């Protein structure tokens, strides 16, 4: 039996050239079109900090209305892909950063975005991630998170659940390597509960395959 690799950054580095295939699933196209429109209009004239930007797939839609973007990821492999995209004349810069520390970010941004990150955060570290992200956002900043919902027949099956309640999937890459990936699927109530200490004007939109969480950073 092949042992799964549990190194998440290593998994996404190895998956850099395969990652965007997830957006090719036919049944998800209507939802994706709605998300692209939403993200393309959400950050009009704002300075956006994007964390875990991956291949820049969502960065290109942020760029349709944002004033500028600083997009970060822990992996140089995915950033190399991201840097080759068209950002619609929007000032877009990239940097390496771990979402748990976000070091080397000196500016304070009027907006923030995180796509398909929340599901990979261990349950015990959710508050930590929000606090770290908000450290680099202005009070009242507009923030959007998007991620996937579990849909039988479309989502990768859940392989196991640990004692803390985190769920995991087994994923296989083109090179044959097997990886165990943490993948949690929060309910709307859980999202509201996790973010309410840090956010005002929370809105949750549930699509068939995805969810959207938007809010403003709570003013101290």
N, C-alpha and C. Protein backbone atom coordinates (compact mmCIF):
# COMPACT_ATOMS: atom_id res chain seq x y z
N UNK A 1 0.84 -1.20 0.00
CA UNK A 1 0.00 0.00 0.00
C UNK A 1 0.88 1.25 0.00
N UNK A 2 0.55 2.22 -0.86
CA UNK A 2 1.31 3.46 -0.94
C UNK A 2 0.95 4.37 0.23
N UNK A 3 1.98 4.93 0.88
CA UNK A 3 1.74 5.85 1.99
C UNK A 3 1.54 7.25 1.45
N UNK A 4 0.50 7.92 1.92
CA UNK A 4 0.19 9.28 1.46
C UNK A 4 1.12 10.29 2.10
N UNK A 5 1.56 11.27 1.32
CA UNK A 5 2.35 12.39 1.80
C UNK A 5 1.40 13.42 2.41
N UNK A 6 1.69 13.89 3.62
CA UNK A 6 0.80 14.85 4.30
C UNK A 6 1.35 16.28 4.30
N UNK A 7 2.40 16.53 3.50
CA UNK A 7 3.01 17.86 3.42
C UNK A 7 2.17 18.73 2.49
N UNK A 8 1.33 19.60 3.06
CA UNK A 8 0.42 20.42 2.25
C UNK A 8 1.15 21.37 1.30
N UNK A 9 2.15 22.17 1.77
CA UNK A 9 2.86 23.03 0.83
C UNK A 9 3.54 22.23 -0.28
N UNK A 10 4.10 21.08 0.07
CA UNK A 10 4.73 20.24 -0.93
C UNK A 10 3.74 19.73 -1.96
N UNK A 11 2.55 19.40 -1.49
CA UNK A 11 1.50 18.93 -2.39
C UNK A 11 1.14 20.00 -3.41
N UNK A 12 0.91 21.23 -2.95
CA UNK A 12 0.51 22.29 -3.87
C UNK A 12 1.65 22.74 -4.78
N UNK A 13 2.89 22.62 -4.31
CA UNK A 13 4.02 22.91 -5.18
C UNK A 13 4.08 21.89 -6.32
N UNK A 14 3.89 20.61 -5.98
CA UNK A 14 3.92 19.56 -7.00
C UNK A 14 2.73 19.65 -7.94
N UNK A 15 1.62 20.24 -7.48
CA UNK A 15 0.39 20.31 -8.24
C UNK A 15 0.28 21.59 -9.07
N UNK A 16 1.30 22.43 -9.05
CA UNK A 16 1.21 23.78 -9.64
C UNK A 16 0.67 23.76 -11.06
N UNK A 17 1.16 22.86 -11.91
CA UNK A 17 0.75 22.84 -13.30
C UNK A 17 -0.54 22.05 -13.54
N UNK A 18 -1.05 21.40 -12.49
CA UNK A 18 -2.29 20.63 -12.60
C UNK A 18 -3.46 21.33 -11.93
N UNK A 19 -3.18 22.30 -11.09
CA UNK A 19 -4.18 22.82 -10.17
C UNK A 19 -5.45 23.33 -10.86
N UNK A 20 -5.31 24.09 -11.91
CA UNK A 20 -6.47 24.76 -12.50
C UNK A 20 -7.46 23.82 -13.17
N UNK A 21 -7.12 22.55 -13.28
CA UNK A 21 -8.07 21.59 -13.85
C UNK A 21 -9.34 21.48 -13.00
N UNK A 22 -9.24 21.82 -11.73
CA UNK A 22 -10.40 21.73 -10.85
C UNK A 22 -11.53 22.64 -11.35
N UNK A 23 -11.16 23.67 -12.10
CA UNK A 23 -12.16 24.61 -12.61
C UNK A 23 -12.76 24.18 -13.94
N UNK A 24 -12.37 23.00 -14.43
CA UNK A 24 -12.88 22.51 -15.71
C UNK A 24 -14.10 21.60 -15.56
N UNK A 25 -14.47 21.26 -14.34
CA UNK A 25 -15.59 20.34 -14.16
C UNK A 25 -16.87 20.94 -14.75
N UNK A 26 -17.51 20.24 -15.68
CA UNK A 26 -18.68 20.80 -16.38
C UNK A 26 -19.81 21.23 -15.46
N UNK A 27 -20.07 20.43 -14.42
CA UNK A 27 -21.21 20.72 -13.55
C UNK A 27 -21.02 21.98 -12.71
N UNK A 28 -19.80 22.49 -12.65
CA UNK A 28 -19.53 23.65 -11.80
C UNK A 28 -19.49 24.97 -12.57
N UNK A 29 -19.69 24.94 -13.86
CA UNK A 29 -19.47 26.13 -14.68
C UNK A 29 -20.42 27.29 -14.36
N UNK A 30 -21.67 27.00 -14.07
CA UNK A 30 -22.61 28.08 -13.74
C UNK A 30 -22.21 28.77 -12.45
N UNK A 31 -21.84 27.99 -11.45
CA UNK A 31 -21.38 28.57 -10.18
C UNK A 31 -20.11 29.39 -10.38
N UNK A 32 -19.18 28.86 -11.16
CA UNK A 32 -17.92 29.55 -11.39
C UNK A 32 -18.14 30.87 -12.12
N UNK A 33 -19.07 30.88 -13.07
CA UNK A 33 -19.38 32.13 -13.78
C UNK A 33 -19.90 33.18 -12.81
N UNK A 34 -20.73 32.76 -11.87
CA UNK A 34 -21.26 33.70 -10.88
C UNK A 34 -20.15 34.21 -9.97
N UNK A 35 -19.24 33.33 -9.56
CA UNK A 35 -18.12 33.74 -8.71
C UNK A 35 -17.20 34.72 -9.43
N UNK A 36 -16.91 34.45 -10.69
CA UNK A 36 -16.04 35.33 -11.47
C UNK A 36 -16.63 36.74 -11.57
N UNK A 37 -17.93 36.81 -11.81
CA UNK A 37 -18.59 38.11 -11.89
C UNK A 37 -18.54 38.83 -10.54
N UNK A 38 -18.84 38.09 -9.48
CA UNK A 38 -18.85 38.67 -8.13
C UNK A 38 -17.47 39.21 -7.77
N UNK A 39 -16.43 38.39 -7.95
CA UNK A 39 -15.07 38.80 -7.58
C UNK A 39 -14.59 39.93 -8.48
N UNK A 40 -15.01 39.91 -9.74
CA UNK A 40 -14.59 40.96 -10.66
C UNK A 40 -15.14 42.33 -10.33
N UNK A 41 -16.23 42.37 -9.55
CA UNK A 41 -16.85 43.64 -9.19
C UNK A 41 -16.63 44.03 -7.72
N UNK A 42 -16.09 43.14 -6.93
CA UNK A 42 -16.12 43.30 -5.47
C UNK A 42 -15.15 44.33 -4.91
N UNK A 43 -14.06 44.61 -5.61
CA UNK A 43 -12.98 45.39 -5.01
C UNK A 43 -12.70 46.69 -5.77
N UNK A 44 -13.76 47.34 -6.22
CA UNK A 44 -13.64 48.55 -7.02
C UNK A 44 -12.78 49.61 -6.33
N UNK A 45 -11.63 49.91 -6.94
CA UNK A 45 -10.76 50.97 -6.44
C UNK A 45 -10.02 50.67 -5.16
N UNK A 46 -10.05 49.42 -4.69
CA UNK A 46 -9.43 49.07 -3.41
C UNK A 46 -8.04 48.46 -3.60
N UNK A 47 -7.24 48.54 -2.53
CA UNK A 47 -5.93 47.89 -2.48
C UNK A 47 -6.12 46.54 -1.80
N UNK A 48 -5.87 45.47 -2.51
CA UNK A 48 -6.23 44.13 -2.05
C UNK A 48 -5.01 43.31 -1.67
N UNK A 49 -5.08 42.71 -0.49
CA UNK A 49 -4.11 41.71 -0.06
C UNK A 49 -4.75 40.34 -0.27
N UNK A 50 -4.15 39.53 -1.13
CA UNK A 50 -4.64 38.18 -1.34
C UNK A 50 -3.66 37.19 -0.72
N UNK A 51 -4.18 36.28 0.09
CA UNK A 51 -3.33 35.26 0.70
C UNK A 51 -3.61 33.91 0.05
N UNK A 52 -2.56 33.07 -0.02
CA UNK A 52 -2.66 31.75 -0.66
C UNK A 52 -3.24 31.89 -2.07
N UNK A 53 -2.63 32.73 -2.87
CA UNK A 53 -3.17 33.04 -4.20
C UNK A 53 -3.00 31.90 -5.20
N UNK A 54 -2.13 30.94 -4.90
CA UNK A 54 -1.93 29.82 -5.81
C UNK A 54 -1.47 30.28 -7.17
N UNK A 55 -2.12 29.78 -8.21
CA UNK A 55 -1.72 30.08 -9.59
C UNK A 55 -2.24 31.42 -10.11
N UNK A 56 -2.86 32.18 -9.24
CA UNK A 56 -3.38 33.49 -9.65
C UNK A 56 -4.71 33.41 -10.38
N UNK A 57 -5.38 32.28 -10.29
CA UNK A 57 -6.65 32.10 -11.00
C UNK A 57 -7.66 33.16 -10.58
N UNK A 58 -7.80 33.38 -9.28
CA UNK A 58 -8.77 34.37 -8.80
C UNK A 58 -8.19 35.77 -8.80
N UNK A 59 -6.88 35.89 -8.76
CA UNK A 59 -6.23 37.20 -8.83
C UNK A 59 -6.61 37.92 -10.11
N UNK A 60 -6.71 37.18 -11.20
CA UNK A 60 -7.03 37.80 -12.49
C UNK A 60 -8.43 38.42 -12.51
N UNK A 61 -9.33 37.90 -11.69
CA UNK A 61 -10.67 38.48 -11.63
C UNK A 61 -10.72 39.65 -10.64
N UNK A 62 -9.95 39.56 -9.56
CA UNK A 62 -9.82 40.70 -8.64
C UNK A 62 -9.31 41.92 -9.41
N UNK A 63 -8.39 41.68 -10.34
CA UNK A 63 -7.74 42.75 -11.09
C UNK A 63 -8.69 43.52 -11.99
N UNK A 64 -9.88 43.02 -12.23
CA UNK A 64 -10.83 43.71 -13.10
C UNK A 64 -11.35 45.01 -12.48
N UNK A 65 -11.28 45.13 -11.15
CA UNK A 65 -11.78 46.37 -10.53
C UNK A 65 -10.85 46.96 -9.47
N UNK A 66 -9.92 46.17 -8.95
CA UNK A 66 -9.06 46.65 -7.86
C UNK A 66 -8.08 47.71 -8.34
N UNK A 67 -7.65 48.57 -7.41
CA UNK A 67 -6.63 49.57 -7.72
C UNK A 67 -5.25 48.91 -7.78
N UNK A 68 -4.99 48.02 -6.83
CA UNK A 68 -3.73 47.27 -6.83
C UNK A 68 -3.90 46.01 -6.01
N UNK A 69 -3.02 45.06 -6.25
CA UNK A 69 -3.09 43.76 -5.57
C UNK A 69 -1.70 43.35 -5.13
N UNK A 70 -1.60 42.87 -3.90
CA UNK A 70 -0.40 42.16 -3.47
C UNK A 70 -0.84 40.73 -3.17
N UNK A 71 -0.41 39.81 -4.02
CA UNK A 71 -0.83 38.41 -3.92
C UNK A 71 0.31 37.57 -3.38
N UNK A 72 0.01 36.76 -2.37
CA UNK A 72 1.06 36.00 -1.71
C UNK A 72 0.75 34.50 -1.71
N UNK A 73 1.81 33.72 -1.66
CA UNK A 73 1.68 32.27 -1.51
C UNK A 73 2.99 31.75 -0.94
N UNK A 74 2.92 30.59 -0.31
CA UNK A 74 4.14 30.02 0.28
C UNK A 74 5.03 29.36 -0.77
N UNK A 75 4.43 29.02 -1.93
CA UNK A 75 5.16 28.27 -2.95
C UNK A 75 5.58 29.13 -4.13
N UNK A 76 6.87 29.11 -4.44
CA UNK A 76 7.36 29.82 -5.62
C UNK A 76 6.88 29.15 -6.90
N UNK A 77 6.60 27.84 -6.83
CA UNK A 77 6.16 27.11 -8.03
C UNK A 77 4.83 27.65 -8.55
N UNK A 78 3.87 27.88 -7.64
CA UNK A 78 2.58 28.40 -8.10
C UNK A 78 2.67 29.88 -8.44
N UNK A 79 3.53 30.61 -7.74
CA UNK A 79 3.71 32.02 -8.06
C UNK A 79 4.29 32.20 -9.46
N UNK A 80 5.13 31.27 -9.89
CA UNK A 80 5.69 31.34 -11.24
C UNK A 80 4.59 31.24 -12.28
N UNK A 81 3.58 30.43 -12.01
CA UNK A 81 2.42 30.33 -12.90
C UNK A 81 1.61 31.62 -12.85
N UNK A 82 1.38 32.11 -11.63
CA UNK A 82 0.57 33.31 -11.44
C UNK A 82 1.15 34.53 -12.17
N UNK A 83 2.44 34.66 -12.17
CA UNK A 83 3.08 35.84 -12.75
C UNK A 83 2.92 35.92 -14.27
N UNK A 84 2.51 34.83 -14.89
CA UNK A 84 2.36 34.80 -16.35
C UNK A 84 0.96 35.22 -16.81
N UNK A 85 0.04 35.46 -15.89
CA UNK A 85 -1.33 35.80 -16.26
C UNK A 85 -1.48 37.28 -16.63
N UNK A 86 -2.60 37.59 -17.24
CA UNK A 86 -2.95 38.96 -17.61
C UNK A 86 -3.78 39.58 -16.49
N UNK A 87 -3.33 40.70 -15.94
CA UNK A 87 -4.02 41.33 -14.83
C UNK A 87 -4.67 42.66 -15.20
N UNK A 88 -5.03 42.80 -16.48
CA UNK A 88 -5.92 43.88 -16.88
C UNK A 88 -5.38 45.27 -16.53
N UNK A 89 -4.08 45.45 -16.63
CA UNK A 89 -3.41 46.72 -16.33
C UNK A 89 -3.47 47.11 -14.86
N UNK A 90 -3.98 46.22 -14.02
CA UNK A 90 -3.99 46.48 -12.57
C UNK A 90 -2.59 46.27 -12.02
N UNK A 91 -2.14 47.18 -11.16
CA UNK A 91 -0.83 47.02 -10.53
C UNK A 91 -0.89 45.79 -9.63
N UNK A 92 -0.15 44.75 -10.03
CA UNK A 92 -0.21 43.48 -9.32
C UNK A 92 1.20 43.01 -9.00
N UNK A 93 1.45 42.75 -7.73
CA UNK A 93 2.76 42.29 -7.29
C UNK A 93 2.59 41.00 -6.51
N UNK A 94 3.66 40.22 -6.43
CA UNK A 94 3.61 38.92 -5.78
C UNK A 94 4.73 38.78 -4.77
N UNK A 95 4.45 38.00 -3.72
CA UNK A 95 5.47 37.74 -2.71
C UNK A 95 5.22 36.41 -2.03
N UNK A 96 6.27 35.81 -1.50
CA UNK A 96 6.12 34.56 -0.77
C UNK A 96 5.77 34.86 0.68
N UNK A 97 4.79 34.14 1.20
CA UNK A 97 4.38 34.34 2.60
C UNK A 97 3.61 33.12 3.07
N UNK A 98 3.89 32.71 4.28
CA UNK A 98 3.16 31.65 4.95
C UNK A 98 1.91 32.26 5.57
N UNK A 99 0.75 31.68 5.33
CA UNK A 99 -0.50 32.26 5.84
C UNK A 99 -0.55 32.31 7.36
N UNK A 100 0.27 31.51 8.03
CA UNK A 100 0.25 31.50 9.49
C UNK A 100 1.13 32.59 10.10
N UNK A 101 1.92 33.27 9.27
CA UNK A 101 2.78 34.34 9.80
C UNK A 101 2.67 35.63 8.99
N UNK A 102 2.56 35.51 7.65
CA UNK A 102 2.48 36.67 6.76
C UNK A 102 3.55 37.71 7.06
N UNK A 103 4.75 37.24 7.24
CA UNK A 103 5.87 38.15 7.48
C UNK A 103 6.23 38.87 6.19
N UNK A 104 6.98 39.96 6.32
CA UNK A 104 7.45 40.77 5.20
C UNK A 104 6.33 41.49 4.46
N UNK A 105 5.19 41.68 5.13
CA UNK A 105 4.12 42.50 4.57
C UNK A 105 4.02 43.75 5.43
N UNK A 106 4.44 44.87 4.87
CA UNK A 106 4.53 46.09 5.67
C UNK A 106 3.32 47.01 5.50
N UNK A 107 2.65 46.93 4.35
CA UNK A 107 1.53 47.82 4.09
C UNK A 107 0.26 47.36 4.80
N UNK A 108 -0.70 48.27 4.88
CA UNK A 108 -2.02 47.95 5.41
C UNK A 108 -3.02 48.14 4.27
N UNK A 109 -3.87 47.15 4.03
CA UNK A 109 -4.70 47.11 2.83
C UNK A 109 -6.16 47.39 3.14
N UNK A 110 -6.85 47.95 2.15
CA UNK A 110 -8.26 48.30 2.32
C UNK A 110 -9.20 47.15 1.95
N UNK A 111 -8.62 46.02 1.52
CA UNK A 111 -9.44 44.85 1.19
C UNK A 111 -8.58 43.60 1.28
N UNK A 112 -9.26 42.46 1.45
CA UNK A 112 -8.54 41.19 1.50
C UNK A 112 -9.33 40.10 0.81
N UNK A 113 -8.62 39.11 0.28
CA UNK A 113 -9.26 37.99 -0.40
C UNK A 113 -8.50 36.71 -0.12
N UNK A 114 -9.25 35.63 0.08
CA UNK A 114 -8.67 34.29 0.24
C UNK A 114 -9.58 33.29 -0.46
N UNK A 115 -9.05 32.63 -1.46
CA UNK A 115 -9.83 31.66 -2.21
C UNK A 115 -9.35 30.23 -1.97
N UNK A 116 -10.25 29.38 -1.53
CA UNK A 116 -9.99 27.96 -1.35
C UNK A 116 -8.82 27.69 -0.39
N UNK A 117 -8.79 28.49 0.64
CA UNK A 117 -7.82 28.31 1.73
C UNK A 117 -8.51 27.78 2.99
N UNK A 118 -9.68 28.32 3.31
CA UNK A 118 -10.33 28.03 4.59
C UNK A 118 -10.50 26.53 4.82
N UNK A 119 -10.83 25.79 3.80
CA UNK A 119 -11.08 24.35 3.95
C UNK A 119 -9.82 23.58 4.34
N UNK A 120 -8.65 24.17 4.12
CA UNK A 120 -7.39 23.50 4.42
C UNK A 120 -6.81 23.90 5.78
N UNK A 121 -7.53 24.74 6.52
CA UNK A 121 -7.04 25.20 7.82
C UNK A 121 -7.55 24.26 8.91
N UNK A 122 -6.66 23.72 9.75
CA UNK A 122 -7.12 22.89 10.87
C UNK A 122 -8.09 23.66 11.75
N UNK A 123 -9.06 22.99 12.30
CA UNK A 123 -10.10 23.64 13.09
C UNK A 123 -9.52 24.46 14.24
N UNK A 124 -8.45 23.98 14.85
CA UNK A 124 -7.87 24.66 16.01
C UNK A 124 -7.08 25.91 15.63
N UNK A 125 -6.85 26.15 14.33
CA UNK A 125 -6.03 27.28 13.90
C UNK A 125 -6.83 28.35 13.15
N UNK A 126 -8.13 28.20 13.13
CA UNK A 126 -8.95 29.13 12.35
C UNK A 126 -8.86 30.56 12.88
N UNK A 127 -8.97 30.74 14.18
CA UNK A 127 -8.88 32.09 14.76
C UNK A 127 -7.51 32.70 14.51
N UNK A 128 -6.49 31.87 14.59
CA UNK A 128 -5.12 32.33 14.35
C UNK A 128 -4.98 32.90 12.94
N UNK A 129 -5.53 32.20 11.95
CA UNK A 129 -5.45 32.64 10.57
C UNK A 129 -6.15 33.99 10.38
N UNK A 130 -7.34 34.12 10.95
CA UNK A 130 -8.09 35.36 10.81
C UNK A 130 -7.33 36.52 11.43
N UNK A 131 -6.83 36.33 12.65
CA UNK A 131 -6.08 37.39 13.34
C UNK A 131 -4.86 37.82 12.53
N UNK A 132 -4.12 36.85 12.02
CA UNK A 132 -2.91 37.16 11.25
C UNK A 132 -3.26 37.93 9.99
N UNK A 133 -4.28 37.49 9.28
CA UNK A 133 -4.74 38.17 8.07
C UNK A 133 -5.16 39.61 8.37
N UNK A 134 -5.95 39.78 9.41
CA UNK A 134 -6.49 41.10 9.74
C UNK A 134 -5.41 42.06 10.23
N UNK A 135 -4.29 41.55 10.69
CA UNK A 135 -3.18 42.41 11.10
C UNK A 135 -2.73 43.31 9.96
N UNK A 136 -2.92 42.85 8.74
CA UNK A 136 -2.46 43.60 7.57
C UNK A 136 -3.61 44.26 6.81
N UNK A 137 -4.79 44.30 7.44
CA UNK A 137 -5.95 44.95 6.83
C UNK A 137 -6.41 46.12 7.70
N UNK A 138 -6.90 47.16 7.05
CA UNK A 138 -7.37 48.33 7.77
C UNK A 138 -8.71 48.04 8.45
N UNK A 139 -8.99 48.70 9.58
CA UNK A 139 -10.32 48.58 10.18
C UNK A 139 -11.39 48.96 9.15
N UNK A 140 -12.40 48.13 9.05
CA UNK A 140 -13.45 48.38 8.06
C UNK A 140 -13.15 47.84 6.68
N UNK A 141 -11.98 47.22 6.50
CA UNK A 141 -11.60 46.68 5.19
C UNK A 141 -12.61 45.65 4.71
N UNK A 142 -12.85 45.62 3.41
CA UNK A 142 -13.76 44.65 2.80
C UNK A 142 -12.99 43.35 2.58
N UNK A 143 -13.58 42.23 3.02
CA UNK A 143 -12.90 40.93 2.90
C UNK A 143 -13.85 39.90 2.31
N UNK A 144 -13.32 39.08 1.43
CA UNK A 144 -14.09 37.98 0.85
C UNK A 144 -13.27 36.69 0.92
N UNK A 145 -13.92 35.64 1.38
CA UNK A 145 -13.37 34.29 1.33
C UNK A 145 -14.32 33.46 0.46
N UNK A 146 -13.76 32.59 -0.38
CA UNK A 146 -14.58 31.63 -1.11
C UNK A 146 -13.97 30.24 -0.96
N UNK A 147 -14.83 29.24 -1.03
CA UNK A 147 -14.34 27.86 -0.93
C UNK A 147 -15.44 26.92 -1.41
N UNK A 148 -15.15 25.63 -1.34
CA UNK A 148 -16.05 24.65 -1.90
C UNK A 148 -16.99 24.03 -0.88
N UNK A 149 -18.14 23.57 -1.37
CA UNK A 149 -19.08 22.79 -0.58
C UNK A 149 -18.95 21.32 -1.00
N UNK A 150 -19.22 20.44 -0.07
CA UNK A 150 -19.15 19.02 -0.41
C UNK A 150 -20.41 18.60 -1.16
N UNK A 151 -20.20 18.09 -2.37
CA UNK A 151 -21.31 17.62 -3.20
C UNK A 151 -20.99 16.20 -3.65
N UNK A 152 -21.81 15.27 -3.23
CA UNK A 152 -21.62 13.87 -3.58
C UNK A 152 -21.57 13.71 -5.10
N UNK A 153 -20.54 12.97 -5.56
CA UNK A 153 -20.40 12.72 -6.98
C UNK A 153 -19.55 13.74 -7.70
N UNK A 154 -19.31 14.90 -7.09
CA UNK A 154 -18.46 15.93 -7.68
C UNK A 154 -17.21 16.15 -6.84
N UNK A 155 -17.37 16.18 -5.52
CA UNK A 155 -16.24 16.38 -4.62
C UNK A 155 -15.47 15.08 -4.41
N UNK A 156 -14.18 15.19 -4.14
CA UNK A 156 -13.39 14.03 -3.76
C UNK A 156 -13.92 13.50 -2.43
N UNK A 157 -14.05 12.19 -2.33
CA UNK A 157 -14.65 11.61 -1.13
C UNK A 157 -13.78 11.87 0.10
N UNK A 158 -14.44 11.96 1.25
CA UNK A 158 -13.74 12.10 2.53
C UNK A 158 -13.20 10.73 2.93
N UNK A 159 -11.90 10.70 3.21
CA UNK A 159 -11.25 9.42 3.52
C UNK A 159 -11.25 9.10 5.00
N UNK A 160 -11.08 10.15 5.84
CA UNK A 160 -11.05 9.91 7.28
C UNK A 160 -11.32 11.20 8.03
N UNK A 161 -11.55 11.06 9.33
CA UNK A 161 -11.77 12.18 10.24
C UNK A 161 -10.91 11.99 11.46
N UNK A 162 -10.19 13.05 11.90
CA UNK A 162 -9.32 12.89 13.05
C UNK A 162 -10.06 13.22 14.35
N UNK A 163 -9.35 13.11 15.47
CA UNK A 163 -9.97 13.31 16.78
C UNK A 163 -10.45 14.75 16.99
N UNK A 164 -9.81 15.69 16.29
CA UNK A 164 -10.19 17.10 16.43
C UNK A 164 -11.39 17.47 15.56
N UNK A 165 -11.79 16.55 14.68
CA UNK A 165 -12.92 16.82 13.81
C UNK A 165 -12.57 17.22 12.39
N UNK A 166 -11.25 17.32 12.09
CA UNK A 166 -10.83 17.64 10.73
C UNK A 166 -11.06 16.44 9.81
N UNK A 167 -11.46 16.72 8.58
CA UNK A 167 -11.67 15.66 7.60
C UNK A 167 -10.58 15.73 6.53
N UNK A 168 -10.31 14.57 5.90
CA UNK A 168 -9.19 14.45 4.96
C UNK A 168 -9.60 13.74 3.69
N UNK A 169 -8.90 14.10 2.59
CA UNK A 169 -9.08 13.45 1.31
C UNK A 169 -7.75 12.87 0.84
N UNK A 170 -7.82 11.81 0.04
CA UNK A 170 -6.65 11.25 -0.62
C UNK A 170 -6.64 11.77 -2.06
N UNK A 171 -5.52 12.35 -2.48
CA UNK A 171 -5.42 12.89 -3.83
C UNK A 171 -4.16 12.36 -4.52
N UNK A 172 -4.31 12.04 -5.79
CA UNK A 172 -3.21 11.48 -6.57
C UNK A 172 -2.84 12.43 -7.70
N UNK A 173 -1.55 12.73 -7.84
CA UNK A 173 -1.08 13.63 -8.88
C UNK A 173 -0.66 12.86 -10.13
N UNK A 174 -0.40 13.59 -11.21
CA UNK A 174 -0.03 12.97 -12.47
C UNK A 174 1.22 12.11 -12.36
N UNK A 175 2.11 12.48 -11.44
CA UNK A 175 3.35 11.71 -11.28
C UNK A 175 3.15 10.44 -10.46
N UNK A 176 1.91 10.17 -10.05
CA UNK A 176 1.60 8.97 -9.30
C UNK A 176 1.69 9.11 -7.79
N UNK A 177 2.18 10.26 -7.31
CA UNK A 177 2.33 10.45 -5.86
C UNK A 177 0.97 10.61 -5.21
N UNK A 178 0.83 10.04 -4.01
CA UNK A 178 -0.42 10.08 -3.26
C UNK A 178 -0.27 11.04 -2.10
N UNK A 179 -1.27 11.90 -1.91
CA UNK A 179 -1.19 12.92 -0.87
C UNK A 179 -2.47 12.93 -0.05
N UNK A 180 -2.31 13.04 1.27
CA UNK A 180 -3.45 13.21 2.16
C UNK A 180 -3.61 14.70 2.44
N UNK A 181 -4.79 15.24 2.14
CA UNK A 181 -5.05 16.68 2.23
C UNK A 181 -6.18 16.95 3.20
N UNK A 182 -5.93 17.85 4.16
CA UNK A 182 -7.01 18.26 5.05
C UNK A 182 -8.02 19.05 4.24
N UNK A 183 -9.29 18.71 4.38
CA UNK A 183 -10.35 19.37 3.61
C UNK A 183 -11.61 19.40 4.45
N UNK A 184 -11.84 20.54 5.11
CA UNK A 184 -13.02 20.71 5.95
C UNK A 184 -14.11 21.46 5.18
N UNK A 185 -15.35 21.10 5.44
CA UNK A 185 -16.49 21.72 4.78
C UNK A 185 -17.39 22.35 5.84
N UNK A 186 -17.22 23.66 6.10
CA UNK A 186 -18.00 24.31 7.17
C UNK A 186 -19.45 24.55 6.78
N UNK A 187 -20.31 24.58 7.77
CA UNK A 187 -21.69 25.01 7.56
C UNK A 187 -21.75 26.53 7.62
N UNK A 188 -22.86 27.10 7.20
CA UNK A 188 -23.03 28.55 7.31
C UNK A 188 -22.95 28.99 8.76
N UNK A 189 -23.55 28.22 9.67
CA UNK A 189 -23.51 28.57 11.09
C UNK A 189 -22.08 28.58 11.62
N UNK A 190 -21.28 27.63 11.18
CA UNK A 190 -19.88 27.57 11.62
C UNK A 190 -19.10 28.77 11.10
N UNK A 191 -19.32 29.16 9.87
CA UNK A 191 -18.64 30.32 9.32
C UNK A 191 -18.99 31.58 10.10
N UNK A 192 -20.24 31.77 10.36
CA UNK A 192 -20.67 32.96 11.11
C UNK A 192 -20.08 32.95 12.52
N UNK A 193 -20.04 31.80 13.15
CA UNK A 193 -19.49 31.69 14.50
C UNK A 193 -17.99 31.97 14.52
N UNK A 194 -17.25 31.44 13.55
CA UNK A 194 -15.80 31.63 13.51
C UNK A 194 -15.40 33.07 13.24
N UNK A 195 -16.18 33.76 12.40
CA UNK A 195 -15.78 35.10 11.98
C UNK A 195 -16.42 36.22 12.80
N UNK A 196 -17.50 35.96 13.50
CA UNK A 196 -18.21 37.03 14.20
C UNK A 196 -17.36 37.80 15.22
N UNK A 197 -16.37 37.17 15.90
CA UNK A 197 -15.55 37.98 16.82
C UNK A 197 -14.67 39.01 16.11
N UNK A 198 -14.47 38.84 14.81
CA UNK A 198 -13.51 39.67 14.08
C UNK A 198 -14.15 40.51 12.98
N UNK A 199 -15.44 40.32 12.72
CA UNK A 199 -16.04 40.90 11.52
C UNK A 199 -17.41 41.51 11.79
N UNK A 200 -17.74 42.53 10.99
CA UNK A 200 -19.06 43.14 10.97
C UNK A 200 -19.68 42.91 9.59
N UNK A 201 -20.99 43.06 9.52
CA UNK A 201 -21.73 42.96 8.26
C UNK A 201 -21.43 41.65 7.53
N UNK A 202 -21.46 40.56 8.26
CA UNK A 202 -21.18 39.25 7.68
C UNK A 202 -22.32 38.81 6.76
N UNK A 203 -21.94 38.40 5.56
CA UNK A 203 -22.90 37.83 4.62
C UNK A 203 -22.35 36.50 4.10
N UNK A 204 -23.20 35.50 4.03
CA UNK A 204 -22.82 34.19 3.50
C UNK A 204 -23.73 33.85 2.35
N UNK A 205 -23.13 33.56 1.20
CA UNK A 205 -23.89 33.17 0.02
C UNK A 205 -23.54 31.72 -0.31
N UNK A 206 -24.54 30.87 -0.37
CA UNK A 206 -24.33 29.46 -0.66
C UNK A 206 -24.76 29.16 -2.09
N UNK A 207 -23.80 28.77 -2.93
CA UNK A 207 -24.08 28.27 -4.25
C UNK A 207 -24.16 26.74 -4.17
N UNK A 208 -24.39 26.09 -5.28
CA UNK A 208 -24.49 24.64 -5.23
C UNK A 208 -23.16 23.98 -4.87
N UNK A 209 -22.07 24.50 -5.44
CA UNK A 209 -20.77 23.87 -5.25
C UNK A 209 -19.80 24.71 -4.42
N UNK A 210 -20.14 25.97 -4.17
CA UNK A 210 -19.22 26.87 -3.49
C UNK A 210 -19.96 27.73 -2.48
N UNK A 211 -19.20 28.34 -1.56
CA UNK A 211 -19.75 29.35 -0.67
C UNK A 211 -18.91 30.61 -0.75
N UNK A 212 -19.55 31.73 -0.43
CA UNK A 212 -18.89 33.04 -0.42
C UNK A 212 -19.17 33.69 0.93
N UNK A 213 -18.13 34.11 1.61
CA UNK A 213 -18.25 34.84 2.86
C UNK A 213 -17.70 36.23 2.66
N UNK A 214 -18.50 37.25 2.94
CA UNK A 214 -18.03 38.62 2.83
C UNK A 214 -18.33 39.37 4.12
N UNK A 215 -17.48 40.34 4.45
CA UNK A 215 -17.65 41.11 5.68
C UNK A 215 -16.71 42.30 5.67
N UNK A 216 -16.83 43.14 6.68
CA UNK A 216 -15.86 44.21 6.90
C UNK A 216 -15.13 43.92 8.20
N UNK A 217 -13.84 44.22 8.22
CA UNK A 217 -13.02 43.99 9.42
C UNK A 217 -13.55 44.85 10.56
N UNK A 218 -13.76 44.22 11.69
CA UNK A 218 -14.34 44.90 12.85
C UNK A 218 -13.44 46.05 13.30
N UNK A 219 -14.04 47.19 13.55
CA UNK A 219 -13.29 48.35 14.04
C UNK A 219 -13.11 48.19 15.55
N UNK A 220 -11.89 48.31 16.06
CA UNK A 220 -11.64 48.13 17.50
C UNK A 220 -12.46 49.09 18.35
